[in-house]
Amino acid sequence: MSAPVPYTPQDDPTAPRLVTPDDPDAPARVARLRQIGVGNLPVPEFDQFARNLARSVGAPYAMVNFIDENQQYFAGLFTPADGQPSVDLGPQPASTDRVMARDHGWCPYVVVRKKALVLEDVCDYPRFAGNPVINQIGIRSYIGAPLIDWNTGIALGTVCAIAPEITPWGRQGLDTIKSMAQQMVDRLREIEEQGGI
């Protein structure tokens, strides 16, 4: 009789599978963001943009998010007011609270698809229901739109909003997130024309 095979969690066929989409544009995106003059530093103007986005869609959290091969960077970030819980992005390198793994959240899908994504209840979609941010951060709703580069057609990143409860974003939310994405694209173009921030 052979020895029993030890069980490991990754062998569990009932466990949710997280498949982060292939992103062949990532190296070109990183180069383009450097060329524009943004990418991996917080930008106070983008924080204000995220605040306005959160208010516009009625969400407690919003981000301006740039994605490279390995991680997401929130160059603009809005979290709830003082005294309320904020987003816990999980284990982070020292001195940063704006970085999240590329396989967390839904922005990598928006970037690869180059289309807005509205998830009023992320648990309604088996493809997205196993995402770590549901249990680790407590996110239940997501809305995001890509930032499409005016020169290359590459998605540079996203603007997005998240909520810990089911949120009926609806058509109005979709229209708003797309409009806000275009506003950020216009601002990125101005930044490039001005030689960076």
N, C-alpha and C. Protein backbone atom coordinates (compact mmCIF):
# COMPACT_ATOMS: atom_id res chain seq x y z
N MET A 1 0.84 -1.17 0.00
CA MET A 1 0.00 0.00 0.00
C MET A 1 0.89 1.23 0.00
N SER A 2 0.55 2.21 -0.81
CA SER A 2 1.36 3.43 -0.90
C SER A 2 0.97 4.42 0.19
N ALA A 3 1.90 5.30 0.47
CA ALA A 3 1.67 6.32 1.49
C ALA A 3 0.63 7.33 0.98
N PRO A 4 -0.19 7.88 1.88
CA PRO A 4 -1.19 8.87 1.45
C PRO A 4 -0.52 10.14 0.93
N VAL A 5 -1.15 10.74 -0.03
CA VAL A 5 -0.66 12.00 -0.60
C VAL A 5 -1.13 13.14 0.31
N PRO A 6 -0.19 13.97 0.76
CA PRO A 6 -0.62 15.08 1.64
C PRO A 6 -1.51 16.07 0.89
N TYR A 7 -2.49 16.59 1.61
CA TYR A 7 -3.42 17.57 1.04
C TYR A 7 -2.82 18.97 1.18
N THR A 8 -2.90 19.73 0.13
CA THR A 8 -2.52 21.15 0.19
C THR A 8 -3.68 21.96 -0.36
N PRO A 9 -3.89 23.19 0.16
CA PRO A 9 -5.04 23.99 -0.27
C PRO A 9 -5.12 24.21 -1.78
N GLN A 10 -3.98 24.32 -2.46
CA GLN A 10 -4.03 24.57 -3.90
C GLN A 10 -4.57 23.37 -4.66
N ASP A 11 -4.66 22.19 -3.99
CA ASP A 11 -5.22 21.01 -4.62
C ASP A 11 -6.74 20.93 -4.50
N ASP A 12 -7.34 21.83 -3.78
CA ASP A 12 -8.77 21.79 -3.52
C ASP A 12 -9.54 22.18 -4.79
N PRO A 13 -10.23 21.23 -5.42
CA PRO A 13 -10.95 21.55 -6.67
C PRO A 13 -12.14 22.48 -6.45
N THR A 14 -12.58 22.63 -5.20
CA THR A 14 -13.72 23.51 -4.95
C THR A 14 -13.29 24.93 -4.61
N ALA A 15 -11.99 25.13 -4.42
CA ALA A 15 -11.49 26.47 -4.08
C ALA A 15 -11.61 27.38 -5.29
N PRO A 16 -11.93 28.67 -5.06
CA PRO A 16 -12.02 29.59 -6.19
C PRO A 16 -10.66 29.74 -6.87
N ARG A 17 -10.68 29.79 -8.16
CA ARG A 17 -9.45 29.96 -8.95
C ARG A 17 -9.37 31.39 -9.44
N LEU A 18 -8.26 32.01 -9.19
CA LEU A 18 -8.04 33.38 -9.63
C LEU A 18 -7.12 33.34 -10.83
N VAL A 19 -7.59 33.80 -11.95
CA VAL A 19 -6.79 33.82 -13.16
C VAL A 19 -6.64 35.28 -13.58
N THR A 20 -5.45 35.80 -13.36
CA THR A 20 -5.17 37.17 -13.78
C THR A 20 -4.90 37.14 -15.28
N PRO A 21 -5.51 38.04 -16.02
CA PRO A 21 -5.36 38.00 -17.48
C PRO A 21 -3.93 38.30 -17.92
N ASP A 22 -3.52 37.66 -19.01
CA ASP A 22 -2.23 37.99 -19.62
C ASP A 22 -2.27 39.44 -20.06
N ASP A 23 -1.16 40.11 -19.91
CA ASP A 23 -1.10 41.54 -20.20
C ASP A 23 0.14 41.84 -21.05
N PRO A 24 0.07 41.55 -22.35
CA PRO A 24 1.25 41.77 -23.20
C PRO A 24 1.64 43.24 -23.35
N ASP A 25 0.73 44.17 -23.02
CA ASP A 25 1.05 45.60 -23.15
C ASP A 25 1.79 46.17 -21.94
N ALA A 26 1.99 45.37 -20.89
CA ALA A 26 2.56 45.92 -19.65
C ALA A 26 3.91 46.61 -19.86
N PRO A 27 4.89 46.02 -20.55
CA PRO A 27 6.17 46.74 -20.72
C PRO A 27 6.01 48.06 -21.48
N ALA A 28 5.19 48.05 -22.53
CA ALA A 28 4.96 49.29 -23.28
C ALA A 28 4.22 50.31 -22.43
N ARG A 29 3.30 49.85 -21.58
CA ARG A 29 2.56 50.75 -20.69
C ARG A 29 3.51 51.45 -19.73
N VAL A 30 4.40 50.67 -19.11
CA VAL A 30 5.34 51.25 -18.16
C VAL A 30 6.22 52.29 -18.84
N ALA A 31 6.71 51.97 -20.03
CA ALA A 31 7.54 52.93 -20.78
C ALA A 31 6.74 54.18 -21.12
N ARG A 32 5.51 54.01 -21.51
CA ARG A 32 4.67 55.16 -21.89
C ARG A 32 4.36 56.03 -20.67
N LEU A 33 4.06 55.42 -19.53
CA LEU A 33 3.80 56.20 -18.32
C LEU A 33 5.03 57.02 -17.93
N ARG A 34 6.22 56.42 -18.07
CA ARG A 34 7.45 57.18 -17.79
C ARG A 34 7.59 58.35 -18.77
N GLN A 35 7.27 58.10 -20.02
CA GLN A 35 7.35 59.15 -21.04
C GLN A 35 6.40 60.30 -20.70
N ILE A 36 5.21 59.96 -20.23
CA ILE A 36 4.24 61.00 -19.86
C ILE A 36 4.69 61.73 -18.60
N GLY A 37 5.34 60.99 -17.71
CA GLY A 37 5.83 61.61 -16.47
C GLY A 37 5.01 61.24 -15.24
N VAL A 38 4.33 60.09 -15.29
CA VAL A 38 3.54 59.61 -14.14
C VAL A 38 3.76 58.11 -14.00
N GLY A 39 3.21 57.56 -12.92
CA GLY A 39 3.23 56.11 -12.81
C GLY A 39 3.32 55.57 -11.41
N ASN A 40 4.43 55.82 -10.71
CA ASN A 40 4.61 55.16 -9.43
C ASN A 40 4.86 56.12 -8.27
N LEU A 41 4.34 57.31 -8.38
CA LEU A 41 4.41 58.28 -7.29
C LEU A 41 3.02 58.83 -7.01
N PRO A 42 2.73 59.12 -5.73
CA PRO A 42 1.42 59.73 -5.44
C PRO A 42 1.37 61.14 -6.04
N VAL A 43 0.21 61.49 -6.55
CA VAL A 43 0.01 62.80 -7.15
C VAL A 43 -1.18 63.45 -6.44
N PRO A 44 -0.94 64.51 -5.64
CA PRO A 44 -2.05 65.13 -4.91
C PRO A 44 -3.24 65.50 -5.79
N GLU A 45 -2.96 65.95 -6.99
CA GLU A 45 -4.05 66.28 -7.93
C GLU A 45 -4.89 65.04 -8.25
N PHE A 46 -4.24 63.88 -8.35
CA PHE A 46 -4.96 62.64 -8.63
C PHE A 46 -5.75 62.19 -7.40
N ASP A 47 -5.22 62.48 -6.21
CA ASP A 47 -5.99 62.20 -4.99
C ASP A 47 -7.29 62.99 -4.99
N GLN A 48 -7.21 64.25 -5.39
CA GLN A 48 -8.42 65.08 -5.47
C GLN A 48 -9.37 64.55 -6.54
N PHE A 49 -8.81 64.11 -7.65
CA PHE A 49 -9.63 63.50 -8.70
C PHE A 49 -10.36 62.27 -8.15
N ALA A 50 -9.65 61.43 -7.40
CA ALA A 50 -10.27 60.24 -6.81
C ALA A 50 -11.37 60.63 -5.84
N ARG A 51 -11.16 61.69 -5.09
CA ARG A 51 -12.21 62.18 -4.18
C ARG A 51 -13.46 62.57 -4.97
N ASN A 52 -13.26 63.30 -6.06
CA ASN A 52 -14.39 63.71 -6.90
C ASN A 52 -15.08 62.51 -7.54
N LEU A 53 -14.29 61.52 -7.94
CA LEU A 53 -14.86 60.31 -8.52
C LEU A 53 -15.73 59.59 -7.49
N ALA A 54 -15.23 59.44 -6.28
CA ALA A 54 -15.99 58.77 -5.22
C ALA A 54 -17.33 59.47 -5.00
N ARG A 55 -17.29 60.78 -4.95
CA ARG A 55 -18.54 61.54 -4.76
C ARG A 55 -19.47 61.37 -5.95
N SER A 56 -18.91 61.37 -7.15
CA SER A 56 -19.73 61.29 -8.37
C SER A 56 -20.48 59.97 -8.49
N VAL A 57 -19.86 58.88 -8.05
CA VAL A 57 -20.52 57.57 -8.17
C VAL A 57 -21.09 57.09 -6.84
N GLY A 58 -20.90 57.87 -5.78
CA GLY A 58 -21.45 57.49 -4.47
C GLY A 58 -20.75 56.32 -3.83
N ALA A 59 -19.42 56.28 -3.96
CA ALA A 59 -18.63 55.17 -3.39
C ALA A 59 -17.72 55.69 -2.27
N PRO A 60 -17.40 54.84 -1.32
CA PRO A 60 -16.50 55.27 -0.24
C PRO A 60 -15.02 55.28 -0.62
N TYR A 61 -14.66 54.57 -1.69
CA TYR A 61 -13.26 54.48 -2.10
C TYR A 61 -13.17 54.72 -3.61
N ALA A 62 -12.09 55.39 -4.04
CA ALA A 62 -11.85 55.56 -5.47
C ALA A 62 -10.35 55.69 -5.71
N MET A 63 -9.93 55.33 -6.90
CA MET A 63 -8.51 55.32 -7.24
C MET A 63 -8.25 55.75 -8.67
N VAL A 64 -7.07 56.30 -8.89
CA VAL A 64 -6.46 56.43 -10.20
C VAL A 64 -5.32 55.42 -10.15
N ASN A 65 -5.41 54.39 -10.98
CA ASN A 65 -4.59 53.21 -10.83
C ASN A 65 -3.75 52.96 -12.09
N PHE A 66 -2.43 52.83 -11.89
CA PHE A 66 -1.53 52.46 -12.98
C PHE A 66 -0.98 51.07 -12.68
N ILE A 67 -0.89 50.23 -13.71
CA ILE A 67 -0.56 48.82 -13.53
C ILE A 67 0.67 48.46 -14.35
N ASP A 68 1.65 47.81 -13.68
CA ASP A 68 2.80 47.31 -14.41
C ASP A 68 2.73 45.78 -14.47
N GLU A 69 3.86 45.13 -14.69
CA GLU A 69 3.85 43.68 -14.84
C GLU A 69 3.52 42.95 -13.55
N ASN A 70 3.79 43.57 -12.39
CA ASN A 70 3.67 42.87 -11.12
C ASN A 70 2.71 43.47 -10.12
N GLN A 71 2.40 44.72 -10.26
CA GLN A 71 1.60 45.38 -9.22
C GLN A 71 0.75 46.50 -9.79
N GLN A 72 -0.13 46.96 -8.92
CA GLN A 72 -0.96 48.12 -9.21
C GLN A 72 -0.49 49.25 -8.29
N TYR A 73 -0.47 50.46 -8.82
CA TYR A 73 -0.06 51.60 -8.01
C TYR A 73 -1.16 52.66 -8.06
N PHE A 74 -1.64 53.05 -6.89
CA PHE A 74 -2.70 54.05 -6.80
C PHE A 74 -2.07 55.44 -6.73
N ALA A 75 -1.88 56.05 -7.90
CA ALA A 75 -1.31 57.40 -7.95
C ALA A 75 -2.31 58.41 -7.41
N GLY A 76 -3.58 58.08 -7.47
CA GLY A 76 -4.64 58.86 -6.85
C GLY A 76 -5.46 57.92 -5.98
N LEU A 77 -5.72 58.32 -4.73
CA LEU A 77 -6.42 57.44 -3.80
C LEU A 77 -7.32 58.25 -2.89
N PHE A 78 -8.58 57.83 -2.78
CA PHE A 78 -9.50 58.43 -1.81
C PHE A 78 -10.09 57.32 -0.97
N THR A 79 -10.02 57.49 0.35
CA THR A 79 -10.62 56.56 1.30
C THR A 79 -11.54 57.37 2.21
N PRO A 80 -12.39 56.69 2.99
CA PRO A 80 -13.34 57.43 3.83
C PRO A 80 -12.69 58.42 4.79
N ALA A 81 -13.52 59.31 5.31
CA ALA A 81 -13.06 60.37 6.21
C ALA A 81 -12.45 59.79 7.48
N ASP A 82 -11.72 60.62 8.20
CA ASP A 82 -11.10 60.22 9.46
C ASP A 82 -12.13 59.59 10.38
N GLY A 83 -11.69 58.58 11.11
CA GLY A 83 -12.57 57.93 12.05
C GLY A 83 -13.30 56.75 11.48
N GLN A 84 -13.26 56.57 10.17
CA GLN A 84 -13.89 55.42 9.54
C GLN A 84 -12.79 54.51 9.03
N PRO A 85 -13.08 53.23 8.82
CA PRO A 85 -12.05 52.33 8.33
C PRO A 85 -11.63 52.70 6.92
N SER A 86 -10.38 52.46 6.61
CA SER A 86 -9.90 52.68 5.25
C SER A 86 -9.55 51.34 4.63
N VAL A 87 -9.16 51.36 3.38
CA VAL A 87 -8.83 50.13 2.68
C VAL A 87 -7.52 49.57 3.23
N ASP A 88 -7.52 48.30 3.59
CA ASP A 88 -6.31 47.59 3.98
C ASP A 88 -5.86 46.81 2.76
N LEU A 89 -4.75 47.20 2.19
CA LEU A 89 -4.29 46.59 0.95
C LEU A 89 -3.49 45.32 1.18
N GLY A 90 -3.45 44.84 2.40
CA GLY A 90 -2.71 43.62 2.71
C GLY A 90 -1.26 43.93 2.96
N PRO A 91 -0.41 42.89 3.04
CA PRO A 91 1.01 43.12 3.32
C PRO A 91 1.63 44.03 2.26
N GLN A 92 2.31 45.06 2.72
CA GLN A 92 2.89 46.05 1.81
C GLN A 92 4.37 46.24 2.10
N PRO A 93 5.13 46.64 1.09
CA PRO A 93 6.51 47.03 1.35
C PRO A 93 6.51 48.24 2.28
N ALA A 94 7.56 48.40 3.03
CA ALA A 94 7.66 49.53 3.94
C ALA A 94 7.42 50.84 3.20
N SER A 95 6.78 51.76 3.85
CA SER A 95 6.55 53.13 3.39
C SER A 95 5.57 53.28 2.23
N THR A 96 4.75 52.29 1.99
CA THR A 96 3.76 52.47 0.93
C THR A 96 2.41 51.92 1.36
N ASP A 97 1.38 52.64 1.00
CA ASP A 97 0.02 52.15 1.22
C ASP A 97 -0.77 52.29 -0.07
N ARG A 98 -0.07 52.40 -1.18
CA ARG A 98 -0.71 52.62 -2.47
C ARG A 98 -0.42 51.49 -3.45
N VAL A 99 0.13 50.40 -3.01
CA VAL A 99 0.51 49.31 -3.89
C VAL A 99 -0.35 48.09 -3.58
N MET A 100 -0.77 47.41 -4.64
CA MET A 100 -1.52 46.17 -4.47
C MET A 100 -1.04 45.19 -5.54
N ALA A 101 -1.02 43.92 -5.22
CA ALA A 101 -0.60 42.90 -6.17
C ALA A 101 -1.47 42.95 -7.43
N ARG A 102 -0.88 42.60 -8.53
CA ARG A 102 -1.60 42.64 -9.81
C ARG A 102 -2.76 41.65 -9.87
N ASP A 103 -2.68 40.58 -9.08
CA ASP A 103 -3.75 39.58 -9.11
C ASP A 103 -4.87 39.88 -8.12
N HIS A 104 -4.87 41.06 -7.52
CA HIS A 104 -5.94 41.50 -6.63
C HIS A 104 -6.79 42.54 -7.35
N GLY A 105 -8.08 42.50 -7.12
CA GLY A 105 -8.96 43.50 -7.71
C GLY A 105 -9.30 43.18 -9.15
N TRP A 106 -9.96 44.15 -9.77
CA TRP A 106 -10.52 43.94 -11.10
C TRP A 106 -9.93 44.88 -12.15
N CYS A 107 -9.11 45.83 -11.75
CA CYS A 107 -8.51 46.76 -12.71
C CYS A 107 -7.66 46.06 -13.77
N PRO A 108 -6.90 45.00 -13.43
CA PRO A 108 -6.16 44.33 -14.51
C PRO A 108 -7.04 43.82 -15.64
N TYR A 109 -8.27 43.41 -15.33
CA TYR A 109 -9.21 42.98 -16.38
C TYR A 109 -9.63 44.17 -17.24
N VAL A 110 -9.87 45.30 -16.61
CA VAL A 110 -10.27 46.50 -17.35
C VAL A 110 -9.15 46.92 -18.30
N VAL A 111 -7.91 46.87 -17.81
CA VAL A 111 -6.77 47.28 -18.63
C VAL A 111 -6.61 46.35 -19.84
N VAL A 112 -6.68 45.06 -19.62
CA VAL A 112 -6.49 44.11 -20.72
C VAL A 112 -7.65 44.18 -21.71
N ARG A 113 -8.88 44.28 -21.21
CA ARG A 113 -10.06 44.34 -22.09
C ARG A 113 -10.23 45.70 -22.77
N LYS A 114 -9.69 46.75 -22.14
CA LYS A 114 -9.83 48.12 -22.62
C LYS A 114 -11.29 48.54 -22.68
N LYS A 115 -12.07 48.04 -21.71
CA LYS A 115 -13.49 48.36 -21.62
C LYS A 115 -13.85 48.57 -20.16
N ALA A 116 -14.85 49.42 -19.93
CA ALA A 116 -15.34 49.62 -18.57
C ALA A 116 -15.93 48.32 -18.03
N LEU A 117 -15.91 48.20 -16.71
CA LEU A 117 -16.44 47.02 -16.05
C LEU A 117 -17.27 47.47 -14.86
N VAL A 118 -18.51 47.00 -14.81
CA VAL A 118 -19.43 47.33 -13.72
C VAL A 118 -19.82 46.03 -13.05
N LEU A 119 -19.47 45.90 -11.77
CA LEU A 119 -19.83 44.73 -10.97
C LEU A 119 -20.60 45.22 -9.75
N GLU A 120 -21.92 45.21 -9.86
CA GLU A 120 -22.73 45.69 -8.74
C GLU A 120 -22.60 44.76 -7.54
N ASP A 121 -22.46 43.47 -7.80
CA ASP A 121 -22.17 42.47 -6.76
C ASP A 121 -21.15 41.52 -7.35
N VAL A 122 -19.89 41.66 -6.94
CA VAL A 122 -18.82 40.86 -7.52
C VAL A 122 -19.06 39.36 -7.32
N CYS A 123 -19.82 39.00 -6.31
CA CYS A 123 -20.09 37.58 -6.03
C CYS A 123 -21.06 36.96 -7.03
N ASP A 124 -21.71 37.77 -7.83
CA ASP A 124 -22.61 37.25 -8.87
C ASP A 124 -21.86 36.69 -10.07
N TYR A 125 -20.55 36.91 -10.14
CA TYR A 125 -19.75 36.53 -11.29
C TYR A 125 -18.68 35.53 -10.86
N PRO A 126 -18.85 34.24 -11.17
CA PRO A 126 -17.88 33.24 -10.72
C PRO A 126 -16.44 33.59 -11.09
N ARG A 127 -16.25 34.20 -12.24
CA ARG A 127 -14.90 34.57 -12.67
C ARG A 127 -14.24 35.55 -11.71
N PHE A 128 -15.04 36.40 -11.08
CA PHE A 128 -14.50 37.44 -10.21
C PHE A 128 -14.74 37.18 -8.72
N ALA A 129 -15.60 36.23 -8.40
CA ALA A 129 -16.00 36.02 -7.01
C ALA A 129 -14.87 35.52 -6.12
N GLY A 130 -13.85 34.88 -6.69
CA GLY A 130 -12.75 34.37 -5.89
C GLY A 130 -11.63 35.37 -5.67
N ASN A 131 -11.81 36.59 -6.09
CA ASN A 131 -10.75 37.58 -5.97
C ASN A 131 -10.41 37.84 -4.51
N PRO A 132 -9.12 37.90 -4.16
CA PRO A 132 -8.72 38.08 -2.76
C PRO A 132 -9.27 39.33 -2.09
N VAL A 133 -9.56 40.38 -2.82
CA VAL A 133 -10.04 41.61 -2.17
C VAL A 133 -11.43 41.46 -1.57
N ILE A 134 -12.16 40.43 -1.98
CA ILE A 134 -13.50 40.23 -1.41
C ILE A 134 -13.37 39.89 0.07
N ASN A 135 -12.54 38.90 0.38
CA ASN A 135 -12.40 38.49 1.78
C ASN A 135 -11.34 39.30 2.53
N GLN A 136 -10.23 39.62 1.89
CA GLN A 136 -9.15 40.31 2.59
C GLN A 136 -9.48 41.76 2.89
N ILE A 137 -10.20 42.41 1.98
CA ILE A 137 -10.49 43.84 2.14
C ILE A 137 -11.97 44.08 2.39
N GLY A 138 -12.81 43.16 1.96
CA GLY A 138 -14.24 43.31 2.17
C GLY A 138 -14.96 44.07 1.08
N ILE A 139 -14.48 43.95 -0.15
CA ILE A 139 -15.09 44.68 -1.27
C ILE A 139 -16.19 43.83 -1.88
N ARG A 140 -17.32 44.45 -2.17
CA ARG A 140 -18.46 43.75 -2.76
C ARG A 140 -18.88 44.32 -4.11
N SER A 141 -18.55 45.59 -4.39
CA SER A 141 -18.93 46.23 -5.67
C SER A 141 -17.72 46.93 -6.27
N TYR A 142 -17.67 46.93 -7.60
CA TYR A 142 -16.57 47.55 -8.33
C TYR A 142 -17.12 48.22 -9.58
N ILE A 143 -16.54 49.37 -9.91
CA ILE A 143 -16.82 50.02 -11.19
C ILE A 143 -15.52 50.67 -11.64
N GLY A 144 -15.12 50.42 -12.89
CA GLY A 144 -13.86 50.98 -13.37
C GLY A 144 -13.89 51.16 -14.88
N ALA A 145 -13.04 52.06 -15.36
CA ALA A 145 -12.92 52.32 -16.79
C ALA A 145 -11.45 52.54 -17.14
N PRO A 146 -11.05 52.13 -18.34
CA PRO A 146 -9.65 52.25 -18.73
C PRO A 146 -9.28 53.68 -19.13
N LEU A 147 -8.00 53.96 -18.96
CA LEU A 147 -7.40 55.22 -19.41
C LEU A 147 -6.65 54.90 -20.70
N ILE A 148 -7.30 55.15 -21.83
CA ILE A 148 -6.74 54.77 -23.13
C ILE A 148 -5.83 55.88 -23.65
N ASP A 149 -4.57 55.50 -23.93
CA ASP A 149 -3.58 56.46 -24.42
C ASP A 149 -3.98 56.98 -25.79
N TRP A 150 -3.94 58.28 -25.94
CA TRP A 150 -4.34 58.97 -27.16
C TRP A 150 -3.37 58.73 -28.31
N ASN A 151 -2.12 58.29 -28.03
CA ASN A 151 -1.14 58.04 -29.09
C ASN A 151 -1.03 56.58 -29.48
N THR A 152 -1.04 55.69 -28.49
CA THR A 152 -0.73 54.28 -28.74
C THR A 152 -1.95 53.36 -28.71
N GLY A 153 -3.04 53.80 -28.09
CA GLY A 153 -4.20 52.94 -27.91
C GLY A 153 -4.06 51.96 -26.75
N ILE A 154 -2.94 52.01 -26.04
CA ILE A 154 -2.71 51.15 -24.88
C ILE A 154 -3.51 51.70 -23.70
N ALA A 155 -4.05 50.79 -22.89
CA ALA A 155 -4.68 51.22 -21.64
C ALA A 155 -3.57 51.50 -20.64
N LEU A 156 -3.47 52.74 -20.19
CA LEU A 156 -2.42 53.16 -19.27
C LEU A 156 -2.72 52.77 -17.83
N GLY A 157 -3.98 52.60 -17.52
CA GLY A 157 -4.42 52.29 -16.17
C GLY A 157 -5.93 52.40 -16.12
N THR A 158 -6.43 52.71 -14.93
CA THR A 158 -7.88 52.83 -14.75
C THR A 158 -8.21 53.95 -13.79
N VAL A 159 -9.45 54.36 -13.83
CA VAL A 159 -10.08 55.06 -12.71
C VAL A 159 -11.15 54.09 -12.23
N CYS A 160 -11.28 53.96 -10.91
CA CYS A 160 -12.22 52.97 -10.40
C CYS A 160 -12.75 53.41 -9.04
N ALA A 161 -13.85 52.79 -8.67
CA ALA A 161 -14.44 52.99 -7.35
C ALA A 161 -14.88 51.63 -6.83
N ILE A 162 -14.80 51.48 -5.51
CA ILE A 162 -15.20 50.22 -4.88
C ILE A 162 -16.05 50.51 -3.66
N ALA A 163 -16.82 49.51 -3.27
CA ALA A 163 -17.69 49.67 -2.10
C ALA A 163 -17.79 48.33 -1.36
N PRO A 164 -17.95 48.38 -0.05
CA PRO A 164 -18.07 47.14 0.72
C PRO A 164 -19.46 46.52 0.70
N GLU A 165 -20.40 47.17 0.03
CA GLU A 165 -21.75 46.63 -0.07
C GLU A 165 -22.18 46.60 -1.54
N ILE A 166 -23.20 45.81 -1.82
CA ILE A 166 -23.74 45.76 -3.18
C ILE A 166 -24.21 47.16 -3.55
N THR A 167 -23.78 47.62 -4.73
CA THR A 167 -24.09 48.99 -5.15
C THR A 167 -24.72 48.97 -6.53
N PRO A 168 -25.92 49.50 -6.67
CA PRO A 168 -26.58 49.53 -7.99
C PRO A 168 -26.04 50.69 -8.84
N TRP A 169 -24.87 50.49 -9.44
CA TRP A 169 -24.23 51.56 -10.23
C TRP A 169 -25.13 51.96 -11.41
N GLY A 170 -25.67 50.96 -12.10
CA GLY A 170 -26.57 51.21 -13.22
C GLY A 170 -25.91 51.91 -14.39
N ARG A 171 -26.73 52.31 -15.34
CA ARG A 171 -26.25 52.99 -16.54
C ARG A 171 -25.63 54.34 -16.19
N GLN A 172 -26.20 55.03 -15.21
CA GLN A 172 -25.65 56.32 -14.80
C GLN A 172 -24.23 56.16 -14.27
N GLY A 173 -23.99 55.12 -13.48
CA GLY A 173 -22.65 54.87 -12.97
C GLY A 173 -21.67 54.57 -14.10
N LEU A 174 -22.11 53.77 -15.06
CA LEU A 174 -21.27 53.46 -16.22
C LEU A 174 -20.93 54.72 -16.99
N ASP A 175 -21.91 55.54 -17.27
CA ASP A 175 -21.67 56.80 -18.00
C ASP A 175 -20.72 57.70 -17.22
N THR A 176 -20.90 57.76 -15.91
CA THR A 176 -20.06 58.61 -15.07
C THR A 176 -18.62 58.13 -15.07
N ILE A 177 -18.41 56.83 -14.88
CA ILE A 177 -17.03 56.32 -14.82
C ILE A 177 -16.32 56.51 -16.16
N LYS A 178 -17.04 56.34 -17.26
CA LYS A 178 -16.43 56.56 -18.58
C LYS A 178 -16.07 58.04 -18.78
N SER A 179 -16.95 58.91 -18.36
CA SER A 179 -16.70 60.34 -18.46
C SER A 179 -15.50 60.76 -17.61
N MET A 180 -15.44 60.22 -16.40
CA MET A 180 -14.31 60.55 -15.52
C MET A 180 -13.00 59.99 -16.08
N ALA A 181 -13.05 58.82 -16.70
CA ALA A 181 -11.85 58.26 -17.32
C ALA A 181 -11.36 59.19 -18.43
N GLN A 182 -12.28 59.71 -19.23
CA GLN A 182 -11.87 60.62 -20.31
C GLN A 182 -11.28 61.90 -19.74
N GLN A 183 -11.83 62.39 -18.65
CA GLN A 183 -11.26 63.58 -18.00
C GLN A 183 -9.81 63.32 -17.56
N MET A 184 -9.56 62.14 -17.00
CA MET A 184 -8.19 61.82 -16.58
C MET A 184 -7.27 61.66 -17.78
N VAL A 185 -7.75 61.05 -18.85
CA VAL A 185 -6.94 60.93 -20.06
C VAL A 185 -6.58 62.32 -20.59
N ASP A 186 -7.54 63.22 -20.61
CA ASP A 186 -7.27 64.60 -21.06
C ASP A 186 -6.21 65.25 -20.17
N ARG A 187 -6.29 65.00 -18.87
CA ARG A 187 -5.31 65.59 -17.94
C ARG A 187 -3.92 64.98 -18.16
N LEU A 188 -3.86 63.67 -18.42
CA LEU A 188 -2.57 63.03 -18.70
C LEU A 188 -1.95 63.60 -19.96
N ARG A 189 -2.77 63.88 -20.95
CA ARG A 189 -2.25 64.50 -22.17
C ARG A 189 -1.67 65.88 -21.88
N GLU A 190 -2.37 66.66 -21.07
CA GLU A 190 -1.85 67.98 -20.67
C GLU A 190 -0.52 67.84 -19.92
N ILE A 191 -0.45 66.85 -19.03
CA ILE A 191 0.79 66.63 -18.26
C ILE A 191 1.93 66.32 -19.20
N GLU A 192 1.69 65.48 -20.20
CA GLU A 192 2.75 65.16 -21.15
C GLU A 192 3.16 66.42 -21.93
N GLU A 193 2.20 67.19 -22.38
CA GLU A 193 2.51 68.40 -23.14
C GLU A 193 3.29 69.41 -22.32
N GLN A 194 3.07 69.39 -21.00
CA GLN A 194 3.79 70.32 -20.10
C GLN A 194 5.15 69.76 -19.65
N GLY A 195 5.47 68.56 -20.09
CA GLY A 195 6.76 67.95 -19.73
C GLY A 195 6.75 67.22 -18.39
N GLY A 196 5.59 66.80 -17.92
CA GLY A 196 5.49 66.04 -16.67
C GLY A 196 4.89 66.88 -15.57
N ILE A 197 4.76 66.25 -14.41
CA ILE A 197 4.13 66.93 -13.26
C ILE A 197 5.15 67.82 -12.59
